[in-house]
Amino acid sequence: MMHRLALGVLLCLMAAAAAWGAPPPERCAETPAMTAALARLARPEAGLMIAAHRGVHSQAPENSLAAIEAAIAAGADIVEIDVAVTTDGTPVLMHDRTVERTTTGQGPVEGKTASEIADLRLKGRDGRASNEPPPTLARALALACGRILVDLDLKSDRLGPIVETVNASGMRATSLYFDSDPAVLANVRALDPAARLMVRLTTDVSLADLLAITGPAAVAHADIESLTPTARGAIARLGLRVWLNSLGEADQRITRGDNKGVEDLLSMGGSVLQTDEVAALVALRRARLGGNPGAEAPSHQAQPGSLR
């Protein structure tokens, strides 16, 4: 009896050790919605993907759980969130270095503990306090799991807690890491060789030189200046998606029923558009696709940067 008990304990310990050393589960990528989204992310010719900038913060405070939920409800493919790390190592959602603009508090976000951040309340666009504290990254990823891709805009040099949280959440395959500094992304890659990266294309550094620093990327974040013919050719050869911002003029125009700003971005090769006007852009895509953005069309009809 004691022998069988000891054997059982040993087997449990071996299983626990194996699990500890095993790669994080990719459970959030296993839903039909995420399987389809990842397939589209890997194929720029599959048509436009829409990213909600800090969630739908016209309806809820930016970087809030409510804003993420609104992005999912509106039909966004990706939600962009900003991530900082508290003094005691908890990743939280916050765009600014200080908390004044978006919360009821004061001072640097990375100078506060997780408990101090939890005591704050997020403010909406009108400056009024909500009932929601700044969420932890863990809570945001739990909400997104299996429902929407996540773009992590890194606002901290303390990358270890962020990568650990992503991997523990099961969101490793369905998260993108973004920073304009390729050295930061190289550090992410060192922490997790399987991390999905979005590099920032500039006129100063070629795509090849960027990728020599970061390793392979899934998306190139660009703008009108950096999308030179040479850059576009390199992006096309690698099969990367091009992320462009619809923020500002293009967003303002689309809310007035003027699609030219969006069409210009698409003509530049944009295949992911980040927007503050998710509903309007989703409606435009739906009108062009007959309501099925994930539908497959004959290959001769699918063009990079198209609305299909």
C-alpha atoms as a PDB file:
ATOM      1  CA  MET A   1       0.000   0.000   0.000  1.00  0.00           C
ATOM      2  CA  MET A   2       2.757   2.415   0.989  1.00  0.00           C
ATOM      3  CA  HIS A   3       4.676   1.426  -2.145  1.00  0.00           C
ATOM      4  CA  ARG A   4       1.697   2.247  -4.378  1.00  0.00           C
ATOM      5  CA  LEU A   5       1.179   5.567  -2.549  1.00  0.00           C
ATOM      6  CA  ALA A   6       4.827   6.509  -2.954  1.00  0.00           C
ATOM      7  CA  LEU A   7       4.683   5.569  -6.630  1.00  0.00           C
ATOM      8  CA  GLY A   8       1.586   7.711  -7.066  1.00  0.00           C
ATOM      9  CA  VAL A   9       3.260  10.695  -5.429  1.00  0.00           C
ATOM     10  CA  LEU A  10       6.337  10.218  -7.631  1.00  0.00           C
ATOM     11  CA  LEU A  11       4.242  10.095 -10.787  1.00  0.00           C
ATOM     12  CA  CYS A  12       2.402  13.266  -9.735  1.00  0.00           C
ATOM     13  CA  LEU A  13       5.692  15.037  -9.131  1.00  0.00           C
ATOM     14  CA  MET A  14       7.024  13.913 -12.507  1.00  0.00           C
ATOM     15  CA  ALA A  15       3.862  15.138 -14.227  1.00  0.00           C
ATOM     16  CA  ALA A  16       4.090  18.478 -12.428  1.00  0.00           C
ATOM     17  CA  ALA A  17       7.735  18.855 -13.409  1.00  0.00           C
ATOM     18  CA  ALA A  18       6.918  18.040 -17.028  1.00  0.00           C
ATOM     19  CA  ALA A  19       4.089  20.544 -17.021  1.00  0.00           C
ATOM     20  CA  TRP A  20       6.320  23.205 -15.460  1.00  0.00           C
ATOM     21  CA  GLY A  21       8.844  22.824 -18.272  1.00  0.00           C
ATOM     22  CA  ALA A  22       6.272  22.451 -21.057  1.00  0.00           C
ATOM     23  CA  PRO A  23       5.405  25.288 -23.433  1.00  0.00           C
ATOM     24  CA  PRO A  24       2.444  27.421 -22.313  1.00  0.00           C
ATOM     25  CA  PRO A  25      -0.870  26.118 -23.652  1.00  0.00           C
ATOM     26  CA  GLU A  26      -2.307  27.990 -26.623  1.00  0.00           C
ATOM     27  CA  ARG A  27      -5.888  27.491 -25.477  1.00  0.00           C
ATOM     28  CA  CYS A  28      -7.017  30.978 -26.516  1.00  0.00           C
ATOM     29  CA  ALA A  29      -6.053  30.233 -30.126  1.00  0.00           C
ATOM     30  CA  GLU A  30      -8.199  27.114 -30.316  1.00  0.00           C
ATOM     31  CA  THR A  31     -11.635  28.687 -30.762  1.00  0.00           C
ATOM     32  CA  PRO A  32     -13.048  28.803 -34.315  1.00  0.00           C
ATOM     33  CA  ALA A  33     -12.981  32.606 -34.215  1.00  0.00           C
ATOM     34  CA  MET A  34      -9.290  32.740 -33.343  1.00  0.00           C
ATOM     35  CA  THR A  35      -8.322  29.974 -35.729  1.00  0.00           C
ATOM     36  CA  ALA A  36      -9.906  32.024 -38.512  1.00  0.00           C
ATOM     37  CA  ALA A  37      -8.376  35.294 -37.271  1.00  0.00           C
ATOM     38  CA  LEU A  38      -4.862  33.848 -37.130  1.00  0.00           C
ATOM     39  CA  ALA A  39      -5.271  32.405 -40.613  1.00  0.00           C
ATOM     40  CA  ARG A  40      -6.282  35.834 -41.897  1.00  0.00           C
ATOM     41  CA  LEU A  41      -3.457  37.556 -40.041  1.00  0.00           C
ATOM     42  CA  ALA A  42      -0.999  35.319 -41.878  1.00  0.00           C
ATOM     43  CA  ARG A  43      -2.536  36.148 -45.286  1.00  0.00           C
ATOM     44  CA  PRO A  44      -2.594  39.859 -46.183  1.00  0.00           C
ATOM     45  CA  GLU A  45      -4.529  39.003 -49.330  1.00  0.00           C
ATOM     46  CA  ALA A  46      -7.421  37.837 -47.118  1.00  0.00           C
ATOM     47  CA  GLY A  47      -8.480  41.462 -46.744  1.00  0.00           C
ATOM     48  CA  LEU A  48      -8.695  44.234 -44.186  1.00  0.00           C
ATOM     49  CA  MET A  49      -8.347  43.589 -40.478  1.00  0.00           C
ATOM     50  CA  ILE A  50      -9.555  46.264 -38.049  1.00  0.00           C
ATOM     51  CA  ALA A  51      -7.760  47.204 -34.826  1.00  0.00           C
ATOM     52  CA  ALA A  52      -9.550  49.088 -32.051  1.00  0.00           C
ATOM     53  CA  HIS A  53      -7.225  51.773 -30.663  1.00  0.00           C
ATOM     54  CA  ARG A  54      -7.185  51.364 -26.859  1.00  0.00           C
ATOM     55  CA  GLY A  55     -10.513  49.557 -27.239  1.00  0.00           C
ATOM     56  CA  VAL A  56     -13.642  51.445 -28.204  1.00  0.00           C
ATOM     57  CA  HIS A  57     -12.896  54.427 -26.001  1.00  0.00           C
ATOM     58  CA  SER A  58     -15.742  56.495 -27.387  1.00  0.00           C
ATOM     59  CA  GLN A  59     -18.037  54.253 -25.339  1.00  0.00           C
ATOM     60  CA  ALA A  60     -15.853  53.497 -22.320  1.00  0.00           C
ATOM     61  CA  PRO A  61     -12.582  54.674 -20.772  1.00  0.00           C
ATOM     62  CA  GLU A  62      -9.550  53.856 -22.873  1.00  0.00           C
ATOM     63  CA  ASN A  63      -7.689  50.660 -21.979  1.00  0.00           C
ATOM     64  CA  SER A  64     -10.624  49.478 -19.876  1.00  0.00           C
ATOM     65  CA  LEU A  65     -12.311  46.092 -19.788  1.00  0.00           C
ATOM     66  CA  ALA A  66     -15.479  47.805 -20.993  1.00  0.00           C
ATOM     67  CA  ALA A  67     -13.608  49.260 -23.982  1.00  0.00           C
ATOM     68  CA  ILE A  68     -12.230  45.827 -24.870  1.00  0.00           C
ATOM     69  CA  GLU A  69     -15.695  44.301 -24.600  1.00  0.00           C
ATOM     70  CA  ALA A  70     -17.062  47.074 -26.830  1.00  0.00           C
ATOM     71  CA  ALA A  71     -14.352  46.351 -29.420  1.00  0.00           C
ATOM     72  CA  ILE A  72     -15.366  42.699 -29.514  1.00  0.00           C
ATOM     73  CA  ALA A  73     -19.035  43.617 -29.802  1.00  0.00           C
ATOM     74  CA  ALA A  74     -18.314  46.089 -32.611  1.00  0.00           C
ATOM     75  CA  GLY A  75     -16.570  43.455 -34.725  1.00  0.00           C
ATOM     76  CA  ALA A  76     -12.912  44.501 -34.408  1.00  0.00           C
ATOM     77  CA  ASP A  77     -10.346  41.823 -35.247  1.00  0.00           C
ATOM     78  CA  ILE A  78      -7.657  43.195 -32.928  1.00  0.00           C
ATOM     79  CA  VAL A  79      -7.729  45.326 -29.798  1.00  0.00           C
ATOM     80  CA  GLU A  80      -4.717  47.537 -29.119  1.00  0.00           C
ATOM     81  CA  ILE A  81      -3.867  48.035 -25.454  1.00  0.00           C
ATOM     82  CA  ASP A  82      -0.982  49.747 -23.663  1.00  0.00           C
ATOM     83  CA  VAL A  83       0.936  47.892 -20.965  1.00  0.00           C
ATOM     84  CA  ALA A  84       3.014  49.213 -18.069  1.00  0.00           C
ATOM     85  CA  VAL A  85       4.326  47.377 -14.989  1.00  0.00           C
ATOM     86  CA  THR A  86       3.793  48.337 -11.339  1.00  0.00           C
ATOM     87  CA  THR A  87       6.594  48.548  -8.793  1.00  0.00           C
ATOM     88  CA  ASP A  88       5.678  45.100  -7.505  1.00  0.00           C
ATOM     89  CA  GLY A  89       5.761  43.519 -10.951  1.00  0.00           C
ATOM     90  CA  THR A  90       2.113  43.450 -12.066  1.00  0.00           C
ATOM     91  CA  PRO A  91       1.435  44.417 -15.702  1.00  0.00           C
ATOM     92  CA  VAL A  92      -1.461  46.888 -15.968  1.00  0.00           C
ATOM     93  CA  LEU A  93      -3.123  48.761 -18.813  1.00  0.00           C
ATOM     94  CA  MET A  94      -2.042  52.391 -19.057  1.00  0.00           C
ATOM     95  CA  HIS A  95      -0.953  54.545 -21.988  1.00  0.00           C
ATOM     96  CA  ASP A  96       0.669  57.519 -20.276  1.00  0.00           C
ATOM     97  CA  ARG A  97       3.677  57.453 -17.974  1.00  0.00           C
ATOM     98  CA  THR A  98       1.521  59.147 -15.350  1.00  0.00           C
ATOM     99  CA  VAL A  99      -2.041  58.379 -14.319  1.00  0.00           C
ATOM    100  CA  GLU A 100      -3.498  61.935 -14.183  1.00  0.00           C
ATOM    101  CA  ARG A 101      -5.127  62.073 -17.612  1.00  0.00           C
ATOM    102  CA  THR A 102      -6.922  58.740 -17.506  1.00  0.00           C
ATOM    103  CA  THR A 103      -7.586  58.097 -13.807  1.00  0.00           C
ATOM    104  CA  THR A 104      -8.562  59.739 -10.544  1.00  0.00           C
ATOM    105  CA  GLY A 105      -4.971  59.493  -9.283  1.00  0.00           C
ATOM    106  CA  GLN A 106      -1.666  61.265  -9.671  1.00  0.00           C
ATOM    107  CA  GLY A 107       1.941  60.284 -10.255  1.00  0.00           C
ATOM    108  CA  PRO A 108       3.856  57.797 -12.405  1.00  0.00           C
ATOM    109  CA  VAL A 109       2.102  54.508 -13.070  1.00  0.00           C
ATOM    110  CA  GLU A 110       5.324  52.533 -12.658  1.00  0.00           C
ATOM    111  CA  GLY A 111       5.883  54.193  -9.298  1.00  0.00           C
ATOM    112  CA  LYS A 112       2.762  52.586  -7.842  1.00  0.00           C
ATOM    113  CA  THR A 113       1.959  49.135  -6.522  1.00  0.00           C
ATOM    114  CA  ALA A 114      -0.759  46.968  -8.014  1.00  0.00           C
ATOM    115  CA  SER A 115      -2.923  47.688  -4.975  1.00  0.00           C
ATOM    116  CA  GLU A 116      -2.523  51.434  -5.450  1.00  0.00           C
ATOM    117  CA  ILE A 117      -3.473  51.146  -9.117  1.00  0.00           C
ATOM    118  CA  ALA A 118      -6.523  49.075  -8.178  1.00  0.00           C
ATOM    119  CA  ASP A 119      -7.702  51.881  -5.903  1.00  0.00           C
ATOM    120  CA  LEU A 120      -7.866  54.307  -8.850  1.00  0.00           C
ATOM    121  CA  ARG A 121     -10.845  54.755 -11.143  1.00  0.00           C
ATOM    122  CA  LEU A 122     -10.612  55.276 -14.875  1.00  0.00           C
ATOM    123  CA  LYS A 123     -11.967  58.450 -16.429  1.00  0.00           C
ATOM    124  CA  GLY A 124     -13.928  58.670 -19.656  1.00  0.00           C
ATOM    125  CA  ARG A 125     -13.435  61.187 -22.448  1.00  0.00           C
ATOM    126  CA  ASP A 126     -15.567  63.679 -20.549  1.00  0.00           C
ATOM    127  CA  GLY A 127     -13.266  63.483 -17.536  1.00  0.00           C
ATOM    128  CA  ARG A 128     -15.841  61.812 -15.320  1.00  0.00           C
ATOM    129  CA  ALA A 129     -14.759  58.931 -13.133  1.00  0.00           C
ATOM    130  CA  SER A 130     -16.109  55.483 -13.925  1.00  0.00           C
ATOM    131  CA  ASN A 131     -16.539  52.553 -11.567  1.00  0.00           C
ATOM    132  CA  GLU A 132     -13.734  50.613 -13.251  1.00  0.00           C
ATOM    133  CA  PRO A 133     -10.138  50.532 -12.002  1.00  0.00           C
ATOM    134  CA  PRO A 134      -7.276  50.248 -14.491  1.00  0.00           C
ATOM    135  CA  PRO A 135      -7.291  46.545 -15.328  1.00  0.00           C
ATOM    136  CA  THR A 136      -4.384  44.212 -14.930  1.00  0.00           C
ATOM    137  CA  LEU A 137      -3.066  42.676 -18.128  1.00  0.00           C
ATOM    138  CA  ALA A 138      -4.119  39.272 -16.797  1.00  0.00           C
ATOM    139  CA  ARG A 139      -7.762  40.386 -16.543  1.00  0.00           C
ATOM    140  CA  ALA A 140      -7.687  42.005 -19.973  1.00  0.00           C
ATOM    141  CA  LEU A 141      -6.270  38.882 -21.585  1.00  0.00           C
ATOM    142  CA  ALA A 142      -8.798  36.684 -19.797  1.00  0.00           C
ATOM    143  CA  LEU A 143     -11.551  38.806 -21.348  1.00  0.00           C
ATOM    144  CA  ALA A 144      -9.969  38.656 -24.811  1.00  0.00           C
ATOM    145  CA  CYS A 145      -9.137  34.942 -24.699  1.00  0.00           C
ATOM    146  CA  GLY A 146     -10.619  33.104 -27.664  1.00  0.00           C
ATOM    147  CA  ARG A 147     -12.537  36.199 -28.790  1.00  0.00           C
ATOM    148  CA  ILE A 148     -10.145  38.798 -30.233  1.00  0.00           C
ATOM    149  CA  LEU A 149      -6.481  39.233 -31.119  1.00  0.00           C
ATOM    150  CA  VAL A 150      -4.508  41.609 -28.881  1.00  0.00           C
ATOM    151  CA  ASP A 151      -1.794  44.109 -29.778  1.00  0.00           C
ATOM    152  CA  LEU A 152       0.378  44.907 -26.768  1.00  0.00           C
ATOM    153  CA  ASP A 153       1.882  48.392 -27.059  1.00  0.00           C
ATOM    154  CA  LEU A 154       4.774  48.161 -24.628  1.00  0.00           C
ATOM    155  CA  LYS A 155       5.086  51.097 -22.214  1.00  0.00           C
ATOM    156  CA  SER A 156       7.664  49.479 -19.945  1.00  0.00           C
ATOM    157  CA  ASP A 157      11.241  48.233 -20.131  1.00  0.00           C
ATOM    158  CA  ARG A 158      10.329  45.544 -17.596  1.00  0.00           C
ATOM    159  CA  LEU A 159       9.357  42.918 -20.114  1.00  0.00           C
ATOM    160  CA  GLY A 160       9.619  39.748 -18.033  1.00  0.00           C
ATOM    161  CA  PRO A 161       6.325  40.159 -16.139  1.00  0.00           C
ATOM    162  CA  ILE A 162       4.511  41.034 -19.378  1.00  0.00           C
ATOM    163  CA  VAL A 163       5.749  37.986 -21.286  1.00  0.00           C
ATOM    164  CA  GLU A 164       5.080  35.729 -18.298  1.00  0.00           C
ATOM    165  CA  THR A 165       1.510  37.035 -18.022  1.00  0.00           C
ATOM    166  CA  VAL A 166       0.834  36.582 -21.729  1.00  0.00           C
ATOM    167  CA  ASN A 167       2.127  33.027 -21.754  1.00  0.00           C
ATOM    168  CA  ALA A 168       0.343  32.043 -18.559  1.00  0.00           C
ATOM    169  CA  SER A 169      -2.925  33.375 -19.979  1.00  0.00           C
ATOM    170  CA  GLY A 170      -2.907  31.126 -23.031  1.00  0.00           C
ATOM    171  CA  MET A 171      -2.737  34.216 -25.276  1.00  0.00           C
ATOM    172  CA  ARG A 172       0.759  33.648 -26.620  1.00  0.00           C
ATOM    173  CA  ALA A 173      -0.377  32.832 -30.168  1.00  0.00           C
ATOM    174  CA  THR A 174      -3.077  35.488 -30.260  1.00  0.00           C
ATOM    175  CA  SER A 175      -0.991  38.431 -28.992  1.00  0.00           C
ATOM    176  CA  LEU A 176       1.289  40.800 -30.881  1.00  0.00           C
ATOM    177  CA  TYR A 177       4.076  42.714 -29.152  1.00  0.00           C
ATOM    178  CA  PHE A 178       4.778  46.221 -30.455  1.00  0.00           C
ATOM    179  CA  ASP A 179       7.439  48.784 -29.677  1.00  0.00           C
ATOM    180  CA  SER A 180       9.013  51.370 -31.960  1.00  0.00           C
ATOM    181  CA  ASP A 181      12.446  50.345 -30.656  1.00  0.00           C
ATOM    182  CA  PRO A 182      13.605  47.093 -32.291  1.00  0.00           C
ATOM    183  CA  ALA A 183      15.949  46.433 -29.366  1.00  0.00           C
ATOM    184  CA  VAL A 184      12.923  46.147 -27.072  1.00  0.00           C
ATOM    185  CA  LEU A 185      11.337  43.607 -29.408  1.00  0.00           C
ATOM    186  CA  ALA A 186      14.622  41.705 -29.538  1.00  0.00           C
ATOM    187  CA  ASN A 187      14.453  41.468 -25.754  1.00  0.00           C
ATOM    188  CA  VAL A 188      10.897  40.115 -26.013  1.00  0.00           C
ATOM    189  CA  ARG A 189      12.131  37.524 -28.503  1.00  0.00           C
ATOM    190  CA  ALA A 190      14.931  36.554 -26.123  1.00  0.00           C
ATOM    191  CA  LEU A 191      12.348  35.946 -23.391  1.00  0.00           C
ATOM    192  CA  ASP A 192      10.049  34.009 -25.713  1.00  0.00           C
ATOM    193  CA  PRO A 193      11.372  32.852 -29.103  1.00  0.00           C
ATOM    194  CA  ALA A 194       7.793  32.112 -30.213  1.00  0.00           C
ATOM    195  CA  ALA A 195       6.504  35.641 -29.527  1.00  0.00           C
ATOM    196  CA  ARG A 196       4.645  37.347 -32.385  1.00  0.00           C
ATOM    197  CA  LEU A 197       6.150  40.746 -33.114  1.00  0.00           C
ATOM    198  CA  MET A 198       5.078  43.906 -34.926  1.00  0.00           C
ATOM    199  CA  VAL A 199       8.043  46.025 -36.009  1.00  0.00           C
ATOM    200  CA  ARG A 200       7.961  49.786 -36.631  1.00  0.00           C
ATOM    201  CA  LEU A 201       9.102  50.620 -40.142  1.00  0.00           C
ATOM    202  CA  THR A 202      10.854  53.970 -40.515  1.00  0.00           C
ATOM    203  CA  THR A 203      12.767  55.803 -43.226  1.00  0.00           C
ATOM    204  CA  ASP A 204      15.978  55.406 -41.204  1.00  0.00           C
ATOM    205  CA  VAL A 205      16.227  51.615 -41.107  1.00  0.00           C
ATOM    206  CA  SER A 206      15.358  49.073 -43.779  1.00  0.00           C
ATOM    207  CA  LEU A 207      13.003  46.203 -43.046  1.00  0.00           C
ATOM    208  CA  ALA A 208      15.873  43.750 -43.478  1.00  0.00           C
ATOM    209  CA  ASP A 209      17.941  45.608 -40.891  1.00  0.00           C
ATOM    210  CA  LEU A 210      14.982  45.725 -38.505  1.00  0.00           C
ATOM    211  CA  LEU A 211      14.413  42.001 -38.783  1.00  0.00           C
ATOM    212  CA  ALA A 212      18.117  41.351 -38.303  1.00  0.00           C
ATOM    213  CA  ILE A 213      17.638  42.852 -34.837  1.00  0.00           C
ATOM    214  CA  THR A 214      14.228  41.444 -33.920  1.00  0.00           C
ATOM    215  CA  GLY A 215      14.001  38.212 -35.850  1.00  0.00           C
ATOM    216  CA  PRO A 216      10.841  37.326 -37.809  1.00  0.00           C
ATOM    217  CA  ALA A 217       7.796  39.575 -37.531  1.00  0.00           C
ATOM    218  CA  ALA A 218       4.126  39.066 -38.335  1.00  0.00           C
ATOM    219  CA  VAL A 219       3.226  42.704 -39.031  1.00  0.00           C
ATOM    220  CA  ALA A 220       5.006  45.869 -40.151  1.00  0.00           C
ATOM    221  CA  HIS A 221       3.668  49.078 -38.579  1.00  0.00           C
ATOM    222  CA  ALA A 222       4.243  51.797 -41.167  1.00  0.00           C
ATOM    223  CA  ASP A 223       3.175  55.216 -42.428  1.00  0.00           C
ATOM    224  CA  ILE A 224       3.116  57.099 -45.720  1.00  0.00           C
ATOM    225  CA  GLU A 225       6.766  58.125 -45.448  1.00  0.00           C
ATOM    226  CA  SER A 226       8.169  54.699 -44.587  1.00  0.00           C
ATOM    227  CA  LEU A 227       6.152  52.781 -47.187  1.00  0.00           C
ATOM    228  CA  THR A 228       8.588  53.369 -50.012  1.00  0.00           C
ATOM    229  CA  PRO A 229       8.463  51.139 -53.109  1.00  0.00           C
ATOM    230  CA  THR A 230      11.490  49.280 -51.769  1.00  0.00           C
ATOM    231  CA  ALA A 231       9.827  48.733 -48.383  1.00  0.00           C
ATOM    232  CA  ARG A 232       6.570  47.611 -49.963  1.00  0.00           C
ATOM    233  CA  GLY A 233       8.436  45.100 -52.100  1.00  0.00           C
ATOM    234  CA  ALA A 234      10.266  43.691 -49.083  1.00  0.00           C
ATOM    235  CA  ILE A 235       7.012  43.435 -47.119  1.00  0.00           C
ATOM    236  CA  ALA A 236       5.269  41.669 -49.987  1.00  0.00           C
ATOM    237  CA  ARG A 237       8.090  39.155 -50.401  1.00  0.00           C
ATOM    238  CA  LEU A 238       7.862  38.250 -46.721  1.00  0.00           C
ATOM    239  CA  GLY A 239       4.065  38.103 -46.721  1.00  0.00           C
ATOM    240  CA  LEU A 240       3.668  40.534 -43.827  1.00  0.00           C
ATOM    241  CA  ARG A 241       0.587  42.535 -43.027  1.00  0.00           C
ATOM    242  CA  VAL A 242       0.942  46.333 -43.087  1.00  0.00           C
ATOM    243  CA  TRP A 243      -0.487  48.200 -40.090  1.00  0.00           C
ATOM    244  CA  LEU A 244      -1.505  51.799 -40.755  1.00  0.00           C
ATOM    245  CA  ASN A 245      -3.279  54.290 -38.510  1.00  0.00           C
ATOM    246  CA  SER A 246      -6.665  55.589 -39.571  1.00  0.00           C
ATOM    247  CA  LEU A 247      -6.565  57.857 -36.517  1.00  0.00           C
ATOM    248  CA  GLY A 248      -7.276  61.526 -37.135  1.00  0.00           C
ATOM    249  CA  GLU A 249      -8.370  62.690 -40.567  1.00  0.00           C
ATOM    250  CA  ALA A 250      -9.287  59.324 -42.084  1.00  0.00           C
ATOM    251  CA  ASP A 251     -11.396  58.480 -39.019  1.00  0.00           C
ATOM    252  CA  GLN A 252     -13.100  61.864 -39.084  1.00  0.00           C
ATOM    253  CA  ARG A 253     -13.940  61.500 -42.763  1.00  0.00           C
ATOM    254  CA  ILE A 254     -15.392  58.017 -42.445  1.00  0.00           C
ATOM    255  CA  THR A 255     -17.835  59.181 -39.774  1.00  0.00           C
ATOM    256  CA  ARG A 256     -19.149  61.701 -42.348  1.00  0.00           C
ATOM    257  CA  GLY A 257     -19.622  58.975 -44.948  1.00  0.00           C
ATOM    258  CA  ASP A 258     -16.452  59.966 -46.832  1.00  0.00           C
ATOM    259  CA  ASN A 259     -14.353  56.851 -47.454  1.00  0.00           C
ATOM    260  CA  LYS A 260     -11.488  58.495 -49.324  1.00  0.00           C
ATOM    261  CA  GLY A 261      -9.138  58.584 -46.324  1.00  0.00           C
ATOM    262  CA  VAL A 262      -9.578  54.868 -45.763  1.00  0.00           C
ATOM    263  CA  GLU A 263      -9.292  54.123 -49.487  1.00  0.00           C
ATOM    264  CA  ASP A 264      -6.008  56.052 -49.565  1.00  0.00           C
ATOM    265  CA  LEU A 265      -4.626  53.938 -46.722  1.00  0.00           C
ATOM    266  CA  LEU A 266      -5.692  50.762 -48.476  1.00  0.00           C
ATOM    267  CA  SER A 267      -4.137  51.900 -51.748  1.00  0.00           C
ATOM    268  CA  MET A 268      -0.846  52.334 -49.872  1.00  0.00           C
ATOM    269  CA  GLY A 269      -0.997  48.654 -48.986  1.00  0.00           C
ATOM    270  CA  GLY A 270      -2.556  48.868 -45.560  1.00  0.00           C
ATOM    271  CA  SER A 271      -4.062  45.544 -44.514  1.00  0.00           C
ATOM    272  CA  VAL A 272      -4.577  46.365 -40.816  1.00  0.00           C
ATOM    273  CA  LEU A 273      -6.123  49.724 -39.969  1.00  0.00           C
ATOM    274  CA  GLN A 274      -6.044  51.013 -36.402  1.00  0.00           C
ATOM    275  CA  THR A 275      -9.044  53.210 -35.727  1.00  0.00           C
ATOM    276  CA  ASP A 276     -10.949  55.144 -33.098  1.00  0.00           C
ATOM    277  CA  GLU A 277     -14.099  54.631 -35.199  1.00  0.00           C
ATOM    278  CA  VAL A 278     -14.479  50.874 -35.142  1.00  0.00           C
ATOM    279  CA  ALA A 279     -18.210  50.767 -35.881  1.00  0.00           C
ATOM    280  CA  ALA A 280     -17.903  52.991 -38.956  1.00  0.00           C
ATOM    281  CA  LEU A 281     -14.989  51.022 -40.397  1.00  0.00           C
ATOM    282  CA  VAL A 282     -16.644  47.685 -39.680  1.00  0.00           C
ATOM    283  CA  ALA A 283     -19.803  48.954 -41.401  1.00  0.00           C
ATOM    284  CA  LEU A 284     -17.799  49.950 -44.468  1.00  0.00           C
ATOM    285  CA  ARG A 285     -16.119  46.554 -44.619  1.00  0.00           C
ATOM    286  CA  ARG A 286     -19.461  44.813 -44.145  1.00  0.00           C
ATOM    287  CA  ALA A 287     -21.041  46.820 -46.954  1.00  0.00           C
ATOM    288  CA  ARG A 288     -18.228  45.835 -49.285  1.00  0.00           C
ATOM    289  CA  LEU A 289     -18.251  42.164 -48.273  1.00  0.00           C
ATOM    290  CA  GLY A 290     -21.928  41.482 -47.900  1.00  0.00           C
ATOM    291  CA  GLY A 291     -21.514  40.936 -44.150  1.00  0.00           C
ATOM    292  CA  ASN A 292     -18.834  38.224 -44.145  1.00  0.00           C
ATOM    293  CA  PRO A 293     -15.309  39.616 -43.663  1.00  0.00           C
ATOM    294  CA  GLY A 294     -13.878  36.147 -43.200  1.00  0.00           C
ATOM    295  CA  ALA A 295     -15.304  34.716 -46.403  1.00  0.00           C
ATOM    296  CA  GLU A 296     -12.901  33.343 -48.953  1.00  0.00           C
ATOM    297  CA  ALA A 297     -12.997  34.780 -52.444  1.00  0.00           C
ATOM    298  CA  PRO A 298     -11.296  33.448 -55.578  1.00  0.00           C
ATOM    299  CA  SER A 299      -7.596  34.224 -55.344  1.00  0.00           C
ATOM    300  CA  HIS A 300      -7.655  36.502 -58.370  1.00  0.00           C
ATOM    301  CA  GLN A 301     -10.166  38.739 -56.580  1.00  0.00           C
ATOM    302  CA  ALA A 302      -8.249  39.102 -53.331  1.00  0.00           C
ATOM    303  CA  GLN A 303      -5.815  42.000 -53.206  1.00  0.00           C
ATOM    304  CA  PRO A 304      -3.573  43.130 -50.365  1.00  0.00           C
ATOM    305  CA  GLY A 305      -5.096  46.123 -48.677  1.00  0.00           C
ATOM    306  CA  SER A 306      -8.576  45.406 -50.018  1.00  0.00           C
ATOM    307  CA  LEU A 307     -11.742  45.680 -47.962  1.00  0.00           C
ATOM    308  CA  ARG A 308     -12.763  42.122 -48.720  1.00  0.00           C
END
